[in-house]
């Protein structure tokens, strides 16, 4: 597997770790490496699981002690 990965990725771009049940954990150093690796796995029908990149995650903000009478549009304008 590592020989195949080295065909399109540099060894410095990812790390590998062997887990239980014949599972291999790959940790990518950059988001571009992650995207390249996921694309390779999908194209070759390799069963895999991936986590969402931090930069692609949405954020949820909670504002405490906010009155219901506050206009939502005014609040959006102030935040942006």
Protein backbone atom coordinates (compact mmCIF):
# COMPACT_ATOMS: atom_id res chain seq x y z
CA UNK A 1 0.00 0.00 0.00
CA UNK A 2 2.76 2.41 0.88
CA UNK A 3 4.44 1.81 -2.49
CA UNK A 4 1.20 2.78 -4.25
CA UNK A 5 0.85 5.91 -2.13
CA UNK A 6 4.41 6.95 -2.86
CA UNK A 7 3.59 6.96 -6.58
CA UNK A 8 1.53 10.12 -6.17
CA UNK A 9 2.40 11.41 -2.67
CA UNK A 10 5.71 12.23 -0.99
CA UNK A 11 6.49 10.30 2.18
CA UNK A 12 6.71 13.59 4.10
CA UNK A 13 3.09 14.43 3.28
CA UNK A 14 1.53 11.68 5.40
CA UNK A 15 2.15 9.29 8.28
CA UNK A 16 0.88 5.75 8.71
CA UNK A 17 -0.09 3.78 11.78
CA UNK A 18 -1.24 0.19 12.01
CA UNK A 19 -4.36 -0.40 14.10
CA UNK A 20 -6.33 -3.46 15.15
CA UNK A 21 -8.34 -5.57 12.67
CA UNK A 22 -5.89 -5.01 9.80
CA UNK A 23 -6.68 -1.30 9.70
CA UNK A 24 -4.25 1.34 8.52
CA UNK A 25 -4.55 4.93 9.74
CA UNK A 26 -3.22 7.61 7.42
CA UNK A 27 -2.67 11.12 8.76
CA UNK A 28 -2.17 13.80 6.13
CA UNK A 29 -0.03 16.86 6.75
CA UNK A 30 -1.91 19.22 4.42
CA UNK A 31 -5.49 19.57 3.18
CA UNK A 32 -4.32 19.10 -0.41
CA UNK A 33 -2.75 15.77 0.52
CA UNK A 34 -6.01 14.75 2.18
CA UNK A 35 -8.04 15.61 -0.93
CA UNK A 36 -5.61 13.75 -3.20
CA UNK A 37 -5.69 10.68 -0.99
CA UNK A 38 -9.50 10.64 -0.74
CA UNK A 39 -9.80 11.04 -4.51
CA UNK A 40 -7.40 8.10 -5.00
CA UNK A 41 -9.37 5.92 -2.59
CA UNK A 42 -12.68 6.71 -4.31
CA UNK A 43 -11.30 6.19 -7.82
CA UNK A 44 -9.90 2.77 -6.87
CA UNK A 45 -12.93 1.65 -4.81
CA UNK A 46 -10.87 1.28 -1.64
CA UNK A 47 -13.04 1.07 1.46
CA UNK A 48 -12.15 4.00 3.68
CA UNK A 49 -13.45 6.42 6.27
CA UNK A 50 -12.41 10.04 6.53
CA UNK A 51 -13.05 12.91 8.87
CA UNK A 52 -14.12 16.30 7.65
CA UNK A 53 -11.37 18.87 7.30
CA UNK A 54 -11.35 21.62 9.91
CA UNK A 55 -11.46 24.29 7.23
CA UNK A 56 -14.61 22.74 5.73
CA UNK A 57 -16.53 22.42 8.98
CA UNK A 58 -19.32 24.82 9.74
CA UNK A 59 -19.34 26.77 12.96
CA UNK A 60 -22.17 27.12 15.41
CA UNK A 61 -22.26 30.13 17.66
CA UNK A 62 -24.39 30.47 20.79
CA UNK A 63 -25.16 33.93 22.12
CA UNK A 64 -26.30 33.92 25.72
CA UNK A 65 -28.73 36.34 27.35
CA UNK A 66 -30.16 37.57 24.06
CA UNK A 67 -33.70 38.88 24.19
CA UNK A 68 -36.33 37.55 21.78
CA UNK A 69 -37.20 41.09 20.78
CA UNK A 70 -33.83 41.62 19.07
CA UNK A 71 -34.19 41.81 15.30
CA UNK A 72 -32.33 38.92 13.67
CA UNK A 73 -31.27 40.98 10.66
CA UNK A 74 -29.79 43.68 12.88
CA UNK A 75 -27.86 41.03 14.76
CA UNK A 76 -26.48 39.55 11.51
CA UNK A 77 -25.41 42.97 10.30
CA UNK A 78 -23.59 43.71 13.56
CA UNK A 79 -21.77 40.36 13.55
CA UNK A 80 -20.61 40.68 9.96
